[in-house]
């Protein structure tokens, strides 16, 4: 009896969802649009961008804190009342 690891997916099922079937009369533009949409749904492009170069864990935390601070300031600014106009 052989043990199969659950994370190993056989052949055609391995690429299911990341491939676009192109029919004979289908325009290439439409196929590219469908592929880009699928890659966007899998968040693959963001992952590739993140892995383009190594960022140290401390730098990653620093960037996350800065982004959180920016989000908070943006929220606070949006909640402020407009300045009173003097006539």
PDB file of N, CA and C in Angstrom:
ATOM      1  N   UNK A   1       0.846  -1.186   0.000  1.00  0.00           N
ATOM      2  CA  UNK A   1       0.000   0.000   0.000  1.00  0.00           C
ATOM      3  C   UNK A   1       0.886   1.242   0.000  1.00  0.00           C
ATOM      4  N   UNK A   2       0.600   2.160  -0.901  1.00  0.00           N
ATOM      5  CA  UNK A   2       1.390   3.386  -0.980  1.00  0.00           C
ATOM      6  C   UNK A   2       0.603   4.538  -0.370  1.00  0.00           C
ATOM      7  N   UNK A   3       1.338   5.410   0.260  1.00  0.00           N
ATOM      8  CA  UNK A   3       0.738   6.576   0.888  1.00  0.00           C
ATOM      9  C   UNK A   3       0.893   7.761  -0.046  1.00  0.00           C
ATOM     10  N   UNK A   4      -0.207   8.439  -0.364  1.00  0.00           N
ATOM     11  CA  UNK A   4      -0.164   9.622  -1.220  1.00  0.00           C
ATOM     12  C   UNK A   4      -0.347  10.863  -0.359  1.00  0.00           C
ATOM     13  N   UNK A   5       0.560  11.796  -0.544  1.00  0.00           N
ATOM     14  CA  UNK A   5       0.444  13.043   0.198  1.00  0.00           C
ATOM     15  C   UNK A   5      -0.711  13.860  -0.373  1.00  0.00           C
ATOM     16  N   UNK A   6      -1.536  14.459   0.488  1.00  0.00           N
ATOM     17  CA  UNK A   6      -2.698  15.207   0.001  1.00  0.00           C
ATOM     18  C   UNK A   6      -2.335  16.478  -0.764  1.00  0.00           C
ATOM     19  N   UNK A   7      -1.109  17.018  -0.552  1.00  0.00           N
ATOM     20  CA  UNK A   7      -0.764  18.259  -1.233  1.00  0.00           C
ATOM     21  C   UNK A   7      -0.283  18.028  -2.659  1.00  0.00           C
ATOM     22  N   UNK A   8      -0.068  16.797  -3.030  1.00  0.00           N
ATOM     23  CA  UNK A   8       0.339  16.481  -4.398  1.00  0.00           C
ATOM     24  C   UNK A   8      -0.901  16.295  -5.255  1.00  0.00           C
ATOM     25  N   UNK A   9      -1.011  17.063  -6.294  1.00  0.00           N
ATOM     26  CA  UNK A   9      -2.174  16.998  -7.168  1.00  0.00           C
ATOM     27  C   UNK A   9      -1.710  16.434  -8.507  1.00  0.00           C
ATOM     28  N   UNK A  10      -2.371  15.426  -9.013  1.00  0.00           N
ATOM     29  CA  UNK A  10      -1.926  14.815 -10.267  1.00  0.00           C
ATOM     30  C   UNK A  10      -2.181  15.688 -11.485  1.00  0.00           C
ATOM     31  N   UNK A  11      -1.373  15.479 -12.501  1.00  0.00           N
ATOM     32  CA  UNK A  11      -1.409  16.060 -13.830  1.00  0.00           C
ATOM     33  C   UNK A  11      -2.296  17.247 -14.114  1.00  0.00           C
ATOM     34  N   UNK A  12      -3.366  17.056 -14.904  1.00  0.00           N
ATOM     35  CA  UNK A  12      -4.162  18.195 -15.377  1.00  0.00           C
ATOM     36  C   UNK A  12      -4.833  18.979 -14.257  1.00  0.00           C
ATOM     37  N   UNK A  13      -5.132  18.349 -13.144  1.00  0.00           N
ATOM     38  CA  UNK A  13      -5.786  19.072 -12.045  1.00  0.00           C
ATOM     39  C   UNK A  13      -4.833  20.056 -11.387  1.00  0.00           C
ATOM     40  N   UNK A  14      -3.527  19.841 -11.548  1.00  0.00           N
ATOM     41  CA  UNK A  14      -2.531  20.703 -10.929  1.00  0.00           C
ATOM     42  C   UNK A  14      -2.667  22.146 -11.406  1.00  0.00           C
ATOM     43  N   UNK A  15      -2.940  22.322 -12.699  1.00  0.00           N
ATOM     44  CA  UNK A  15      -3.023  23.662 -13.256  1.00  0.00           C
ATOM     45  C   UNK A  15      -4.455  24.140 -13.430  1.00  0.00           C
ATOM     46  N   UNK A  16      -5.385  23.438 -12.842  1.00  0.00           N
ATOM     47  CA  UNK A  16      -6.789  23.827 -12.979  1.00  0.00           C
ATOM     48  C   UNK A  16      -6.994  25.203 -12.356  1.00  0.00           C
ATOM     49  N   UNK A  17      -7.628  26.077 -13.101  1.00  0.00           N
ATOM     50  CA  UNK A  17      -7.889  27.419 -12.592  1.00  0.00           C
ATOM     51  C   UNK A  17      -6.845  28.420 -13.026  1.00  0.00           C
ATOM     52  N   UNK A  18      -5.621  27.965 -13.341  1.00  0.00           N
ATOM     53  CA  UNK A  18      -4.575  28.874 -13.780  1.00  0.00           C
ATOM     54  C   UNK A  18      -4.347  28.773 -15.283  1.00  0.00           C
ATOM     55  N   UNK A  19      -5.177  28.036 -15.958  1.00  0.00           N
ATOM     56  CA  UNK A  19      -5.047  27.882 -17.405  1.00  0.00           C
ATOM     57  C   UNK A  19      -6.331  28.355 -18.067  1.00  0.00           C
ATOM     58  N   UNK A  20      -6.187  28.846 -19.279  1.00  0.00           N
ATOM     59  CA  UNK A  20      -7.339  29.304 -20.042  1.00  0.00           C
ATOM     60  C   UNK A  20      -7.387  28.488 -21.324  1.00  0.00           C
ATOM     61  N   UNK A  21      -8.519  27.878 -21.576  1.00  0.00           N
ATOM     62  CA  UNK A  21      -8.650  27.122 -22.822  1.00  0.00           C
ATOM     63  C   UNK A  21      -9.036  28.092 -23.938  1.00  0.00           C
ATOM     64  N   UNK A  22      -8.268  28.045 -25.012  1.00  0.00           N
ATOM     65  CA  UNK A  22      -8.494  28.939 -26.142  1.00  0.00           C
ATOM     66  C   UNK A  22      -9.100  28.120 -27.272  1.00  0.00           C
ATOM     67  N   UNK A  23     -10.254  28.556 -27.730  1.00  0.00           N
ATOM     68  CA  UNK A  23     -10.918  27.874 -28.836  1.00  0.00           C
ATOM     69  C   UNK A  23     -10.377  28.403 -30.159  1.00  0.00           C
ATOM     70  N   UNK A  24     -10.703  27.707 -31.223  1.00  0.00           N
ATOM     71  CA  UNK A  24     -10.162  28.037 -32.538  1.00  0.00           C
ATOM     72  C   UNK A  24     -10.537  29.449 -32.994  1.00  0.00           C
ATOM     73  N   UNK A  25     -11.761  29.854 -32.745  1.00  0.00           N
ATOM     74  CA  UNK A  25     -12.230  31.162 -33.222  1.00  0.00           C
ATOM     75  C   UNK A  25     -12.153  32.253 -32.149  1.00  0.00           C
ATOM     76  N   UNK A  26     -11.650  31.920 -30.986  1.00  0.00           N
ATOM     77  CA  UNK A  26     -11.583  32.900 -29.896  1.00  0.00           C
ATOM     78  C   UNK A  26     -10.448  33.899 -30.142  1.00  0.00           C
ATOM     79  N   UNK A  27     -10.726  35.192 -30.064  1.00  0.00           N
ATOM     80  CA  UNK A  27      -9.660  36.183 -30.229  1.00  0.00           C
ATOM     81  C   UNK A  27      -8.639  36.085 -29.092  1.00  0.00           C
ATOM     82  N   UNK A  28      -7.398  36.348 -29.414  1.00  0.00           N
ATOM     83  CA  UNK A  28      -6.324  36.278 -28.429  1.00  0.00           C
ATOM     84  C   UNK A  28      -6.536  37.311 -27.324  1.00  0.00           C
ATOM     85  N   UNK A  29      -7.050  38.473 -27.671  1.00  0.00           N
ATOM     86  CA  UNK A  29      -7.282  39.522 -26.675  1.00  0.00           C
ATOM     87  C   UNK A  29      -8.224  39.037 -25.578  1.00  0.00           C
ATOM     88  N   UNK A  30      -9.265  38.334 -25.998  1.00  0.00           N
ATOM     89  CA  UNK A  30     -10.237  37.831 -25.030  1.00  0.00           C
ATOM     90  C   UNK A  30      -9.600  36.783 -24.118  1.00  0.00           C
ATOM     91  N   UNK A  31      -8.765  35.905 -24.691  1.00  0.00           N
ATOM     92  CA  UNK A  31      -8.087  34.881 -23.902  1.00  0.00           C
ATOM     93  C   UNK A  31      -7.116  35.509 -22.906  1.00  0.00           C
ATOM     94  N   UNK A  32      -6.383  36.536 -23.345  1.00  0.00           N
ATOM     95  CA  UNK A  32      -5.466  37.233 -22.436  1.00  0.00           C
ATOM     96  C   UNK A  32      -6.212  37.913 -21.307  1.00  0.00           C
ATOM     97  N   UNK A  33      -7.356  38.497 -21.636  1.00  0.00           N
ATOM     98  CA  UNK A  33      -8.169  39.160 -20.617  1.00  0.00           C
ATOM     99  C   UNK A  33      -8.641  38.156 -19.568  1.00  0.00           C
ATOM    100  N   UNK A  34      -9.070  36.955 -20.040  1.00  0.00           N
ATOM    101  CA  UNK A  34      -9.524  35.922 -19.116  1.00  0.00           C
ATOM    102  C   UNK A  34      -8.376  35.430 -18.233  1.00  0.00           C
ATOM    103  N   UNK A  35      -7.176  35.274 -18.842  1.00  0.00           N
ATOM    104  CA  UNK A  35      -6.013  34.815 -18.082  1.00  0.00           C
ATOM    105  C   UNK A  35      -5.621  35.831 -17.018  1.00  0.00           C
ATOM    106  N   UNK A  36      -5.596  37.102 -17.379  1.00  0.00           N
ATOM    107  CA  UNK A  36      -5.245  38.149 -16.418  1.00  0.00           C
ATOM    108  C   UNK A  36      -6.233  38.184 -15.257  1.00  0.00           C
ATOM    109  N   UNK A  37      -7.515  37.990 -15.567  1.00  0.00           N
ATOM    110  CA  UNK A  37      -8.542  37.982 -14.529  1.00  0.00           C
ATOM    111  C   UNK A  37      -8.321  36.816 -13.570  1.00  0.00           C
ATOM    112  N   UNK A  38      -7.996  35.633 -14.123  1.00  0.00           N
ATOM    113  CA  UNK A  38      -7.757  34.473 -13.270  1.00  0.00           C
ATOM    114  C   UNK A  38      -6.526  34.673 -12.398  1.00  0.00           C
ATOM    115  N   UNK A  39      -5.452  35.221 -12.977  1.00  0.00           N
ATOM    116  CA  UNK A  39      -4.245  35.469 -12.201  1.00  0.00           C
ATOM    117  C   UNK A  39      -4.515  36.479 -11.093  1.00  0.00           C
ATOM    118  N   UNK A  40      -5.363  37.455 -11.387  1.00  0.00           N
ATOM    119  CA  UNK A  40      -5.714  38.451 -10.380  1.00  0.00           C
ATOM    120  C   UNK A  40      -6.508  37.807  -9.248  1.00  0.00           C
ATOM    121  N   UNK A  41      -7.398  36.875  -9.585  1.00  0.00           N
ATOM    122  CA  UNK A  41      -8.183  36.192  -8.560  1.00  0.00           C
ATOM    123  C   UNK A  41      -7.311  35.311  -7.684  1.00  0.00           C
ATOM    124  N   UNK A  42      -6.260  34.728  -8.253  1.00  0.00           N
ATOM    125  CA  UNK A  42      -5.353  33.892  -7.474  1.00  0.00           C
ATOM    126  C   UNK A  42      -4.335  34.733  -6.718  1.00  0.00           C
ATOM    127  N   UNK A  43      -4.330  36.043  -6.941  1.00  0.00           N
ATOM    128  CA  UNK A  43      -3.411  36.969  -6.284  1.00  0.00           C
ATOM    129  C   UNK A  43      -1.962  36.637  -6.646  1.00  0.00           C
ATOM    130  N   UNK A  44      -1.757  36.067  -7.819  1.00  0.00           N
ATOM    131  CA  UNK A  44      -0.440  35.624  -8.243  1.00  0.00           C
ATOM    132  C   UNK A  44       0.476  36.797  -8.571  1.00  0.00           C
ATOM    133  N   UNK A  45      -0.047  37.824  -9.195  1.00  0.00           N
ATOM    134  CA  UNK A  45       0.795  38.949  -9.584  1.00  0.00           C
ATOM    135  C   UNK A  45       1.332  39.686  -8.357  1.00  0.00           C
ATOM    136  N   UNK A  46       0.497  39.834  -7.326  1.00  0.00           N
ATOM    137  CA  UNK A  46       0.967  40.489  -6.097  1.00  0.00           C
ATOM    138  C   UNK A  46       2.047  39.657  -5.420  1.00  0.00           C
ATOM    139  N   UNK A  47       1.873  38.340  -5.441  1.00  0.00           N
ATOM    140  CA  UNK A  47       2.877  37.469  -4.841  1.00  0.00           C
ATOM    141  C   UNK A  47       4.199  37.558  -5.599  1.00  0.00           C
ATOM    142  N   UNK A  48       4.133  37.595  -6.925  1.00  0.00           N
ATOM    143  CA  UNK A  48       5.350  37.739  -7.723  1.00  0.00           C
ATOM    144  C   UNK A  48       6.030  39.069  -7.431  1.00  0.00           C
ATOM    145  N   UNK A  49       5.254  40.122  -7.289  1.00  0.00           N
ATOM    146  CA  UNK A  49       5.815  41.434  -6.980  1.00  0.00           C
ATOM    147  C   UNK A  49       6.478  41.422  -5.603  1.00  0.00           C
ATOM    148  N   UNK A  50       5.845  40.737  -4.643  1.00  0.00           N
ATOM    149  CA  UNK A  50       6.419  40.665  -3.300  1.00  0.00           C
ATOM    150  C   UNK A  50       7.706  39.855  -3.278  1.00  0.00           C
ATOM    151  N   UNK A  51       7.800  38.831  -4.102  1.00  0.00           N
ATOM    152  CA  UNK A  51       8.981  37.965  -4.113  1.00  0.00           C
ATOM    153  C   UNK A  51      10.067  38.442  -5.069  1.00  0.00           C
ATOM    154  N   UNK A  52       9.879  39.596  -5.665  1.00  0.00           N
ATOM    155  CA  UNK A  52      10.858  40.095  -6.618  1.00  0.00           C
ATOM    156  C   UNK A  52      12.208  40.317  -5.942  1.00  0.00           C
ATOM    157  N   UNK A  53      12.198  40.804  -4.723  1.00  0.00           N
ATOM    158  CA  UNK A  53      13.427  40.956  -3.959  1.00  0.00           C
ATOM    159  C   UNK A  53      13.117  40.699  -2.491  1.00  0.00           C
ATOM    160  N   UNK A  54      14.150  40.336  -1.744  1.00  0.00           N
ATOM    161  CA  UNK A  54      13.977  39.961  -0.341  1.00  0.00           C
ATOM    162  C   UNK A  54      13.875  41.211   0.527  1.00  0.00           C
ATOM    163  N   UNK A  55      12.920  41.201   1.426  1.00  0.00           N
ATOM    164  CA  UNK A  55      12.767  42.274   2.407  1.00  0.00           C
ATOM    165  C   UNK A  55      12.940  41.651   3.782  1.00  0.00           C
ATOM    166  N   UNK A  56      13.827  42.231   4.566  1.00  0.00           N
ATOM    167  CA  UNK A  56      14.072  41.702   5.907  1.00  0.00           C
ATOM    168  C   UNK A  56      12.806  41.803   6.748  1.00  0.00           C
ATOM    169  N   UNK A  57      12.627  40.871   7.691  1.00  0.00           N
ATOM    170  CA  UNK A  57      11.413  40.892   8.518  1.00  0.00           C
ATOM    171  C   UNK A  57      11.208  42.209   9.270  1.00  0.00           C
ATOM    172  N   UNK A  58      12.295  42.811   9.773  1.00  0.00           N
ATOM    173  CA  UNK A  58      12.136  44.081  10.490  1.00  0.00           C
ATOM    174  C   UNK A  58      11.659  45.181   9.546  1.00  0.00           C
ATOM    175  N   UNK A  59      12.191  45.178   8.321  1.00  0.00           N
ATOM    176  CA  UNK A  59      11.764  46.171   7.334  1.00  0.00           C
ATOM    177  C   UNK A  59      10.303  45.954   6.951  1.00  0.00           C
ATOM    178  N   UNK A  60       9.900  44.677   6.851  1.00  0.00           N
ATOM    179  CA  UNK A  60       8.510  44.349   6.517  1.00  0.00           C
ATOM    180  C   UNK A  60       7.569  44.861   7.611  1.00  0.00           C
ATOM    181  N   UNK A  61       7.960  44.662   8.888  1.00  0.00           N
ATOM    182  CA  UNK A  61       7.138  45.161   9.993  1.00  0.00           C
ATOM    183  C   UNK A  61       7.076  46.684   9.982  1.00  0.00           C
ATOM    184  N   UNK A  62       8.204  47.316   9.697  1.00  0.00           N
ATOM    185  CA  UNK A  62       8.267  48.770   9.646  1.00  0.00           C
ATOM    186  C   UNK A  62       7.334  49.318   8.561  1.00  0.00           C
ATOM    187  N   UNK A  63       7.330  48.666   7.396  1.00  0.00           N
ATOM    188  CA  UNK A  63       6.463  49.082   6.306  1.00  0.00           C
ATOM    189  C   UNK A  63       4.997  48.873   6.666  1.00  0.00           C
ATOM    190  N   UNK A  64       4.692  47.773   7.361  1.00  0.00           N
ATOM    191  CA  UNK A  64       3.310  47.501   7.768  1.00  0.00           C
ATOM    192  C   UNK A  64       2.826  48.552   8.764  1.00  0.00           C
ATOM    193  N   UNK A  65       3.701  48.945   9.710  1.00  0.00           N
ATOM    194  CA  UNK A  65       3.334  49.986  10.674  1.00  0.00           C
ATOM    195  C   UNK A  65       3.086  51.318   9.979  1.00  0.00           C
ATOM    196  N   UNK A  66       3.939  51.649   9.020  1.00  0.00           N
ATOM    197  CA  UNK A  66       3.778  52.909   8.291  1.00  0.00           C
ATOM    198  C   UNK A  66       2.470  52.910   7.502  1.00  0.00           C
ATOM    199  N   UNK A  67       2.134  51.774   6.898  1.00  0.00           N
ATOM    200  CA  UNK A  67       0.879  51.677   6.138  1.00  0.00           C
ATOM    201  C   UNK A  67      -0.320  51.815   7.069  1.00  0.00           C
ATOM    202  N   UNK A  68      -0.240  51.210   8.259  1.00  0.00           N
ATOM    203  CA  UNK A  68      -1.335  51.311   9.224  1.00  0.00           C
ATOM    204  C   UNK A  68      -1.495  52.749   9.697  1.00  0.00           C
ATOM    205  N   UNK A  69      -0.371  53.417   9.941  1.00  0.00           N
ATOM    206  CA  UNK A  69      -0.407  54.807  10.370  1.00  0.00           C
ATOM    207  C   UNK A  69      -1.048  55.675   9.281  1.00  0.00           C
ATOM    208  N   UNK A  70      -0.676  55.426   8.042  1.00  0.00           N
ATOM    209  CA  UNK A  70      -1.225  56.190   6.921  1.00  0.00           C
ATOM    210  C   UNK A  70      -2.733  55.967   6.784  1.00  0.00           C
ATOM    211  N   UNK A  71      -3.164  54.698   6.942  1.00  0.00           N
ATOM    212  CA  UNK A  71      -4.599  54.404   6.874  1.00  0.00           C
ATOM    213  C   UNK A  71      -5.354  55.120   7.977  1.00  0.00           C
ATOM    214  N   UNK A  72      -4.788  55.116   9.188  1.00  0.00           N
ATOM    215  CA  UNK A  72      -5.436  55.759  10.326  1.00  0.00           C
ATOM    216  C   UNK A  72      -5.566  57.261  10.100  1.00  0.00           C
ATOM    217  N   UNK A  73      -4.474  57.898   9.645  1.00  0.00           N
ATOM    218  CA  UNK A  73      -4.523  59.339   9.391  1.00  0.00           C
ATOM    219  C   UNK A  73      -5.529  59.677   8.297  1.00  0.00           C
ATOM    220  N   UNK A  74      -5.594  58.847   7.286  1.00  0.00           N
ATOM    221  CA  UNK A  74      -6.551  59.066   6.204  1.00  0.00           C
ATOM    222  C   UNK A  74      -7.979  58.969   6.725  1.00  0.00           C
ATOM    223  N   UNK A  75      -8.234  57.991   7.613  1.00  0.00           N
ATOM    224  CA  UNK A  75      -9.565  57.829   8.191  1.00  0.00           C
ATOM    225  C   UNK A  75      -9.920  59.024   9.065  1.00  0.00           C
ATOM    226  N   UNK A  76      -8.975  59.478   9.882  1.00  0.00           N
ATOM    227  CA  UNK A  76      -9.221  60.614  10.774  1.00  0.00           C
ATOM    228  C   UNK A  76      -9.518  61.867   9.950  1.00  0.00           C
ATOM    229  N   UNK A  77      -8.765  62.072   8.884  1.00  0.00           N
ATOM    230  CA  UNK A  77      -8.995  63.236   8.016  1.00  0.00           C
ATOM    231  C   UNK A  77     -10.382  63.184   7.384  1.00  0.00           C
ATOM    232  N   UNK A  78     -10.825  61.985   7.014  1.00  0.00           N
ATOM    233  CA  UNK A  78     -12.133  61.875   6.372  1.00  0.00           C
ATOM    234  C   UNK A  78     -13.279  62.115   7.365  1.00  0.00           C
ATOM    235  N   UNK A  79     -13.015  61.933   8.660  1.00  0.00           N
ATOM    236  CA  UNK A  79     -14.052  62.106   9.675  1.00  0.00           C
ATOM    237  C   UNK A  79     -14.154  63.541  10.197  1.00  0.00           C
ATOM    238  N   UNK A  80     -13.172  64.375   9.865  1.00  0.00           N
ATOM    239  CA  UNK A  80     -13.196  65.756  10.332  1.00  0.00           C
ATOM    240  C   UNK A  80     -14.292  66.536   9.626  1.00  0.00           C
ATOM    241  N   UNK A  81     -14.849  67.516  10.345  1.00  0.00           N
ATOM    242  CA  UNK A  81     -15.840  68.410   9.747  1.00  0.00           C
ATOM    243  C   UNK A  81     -15.109  69.442   8.893  1.00  0.00           C
ATOM    244  N   UNK A  82     -15.743  69.909   7.830  1.00  0.00           N
ATOM    245  CA  UNK A  82     -15.086  70.929   6.999  1.00  0.00           C
ATOM    246  C   UNK A  82     -14.922  72.233   7.765  1.00  0.00           C
ATOM    247  N   UNK A  83     -13.912  72.986   7.381  1.00  0.00           N
ATOM    248  CA  UNK A  83     -13.672  74.268   8.049  1.00  0.00           C
ATOM    249  C   UNK A  83     -14.813  75.229   7.746  1.00  0.00           C
ATOM    250  N   UNK A  84     -15.126  76.046   8.737  1.00  0.00           N
ATOM    251  CA  UNK A  84     -16.212  77.014   8.574  1.00  0.00           C
ATOM    252  C   UNK A  84     -15.756  78.142   7.655  1.00  0.00           C
ATOM    253  N   UNK A  85     -16.570  78.437   6.688  1.00  0.00           N
ATOM    254  CA  UNK A  85     -16.241  79.493   5.747  1.00  0.00           C
ATOM    255  C   UNK A  85     -16.662  80.847   6.321  1.00  0.00           C
ATOM    256  N   UNK A  86     -15.771  81.805   6.240  1.00  0.00           N
ATOM    257  CA  UNK A  86     -16.083  83.164   6.699  1.00  0.00           C
ATOM    258  C   UNK A  86     -16.499  84.003   5.493  1.00  0.00           C
ATOM    259  N   UNK A  87     -17.601  84.739   5.629  1.00  0.00           N
ATOM    260  CA  UNK A  87     -18.055  85.593   4.538  1.00  0.00           C
ATOM    261  C   UNK A  87     -17.765  87.006   4.802  1.00  0.00           C
TER     262      UNK A  87
END
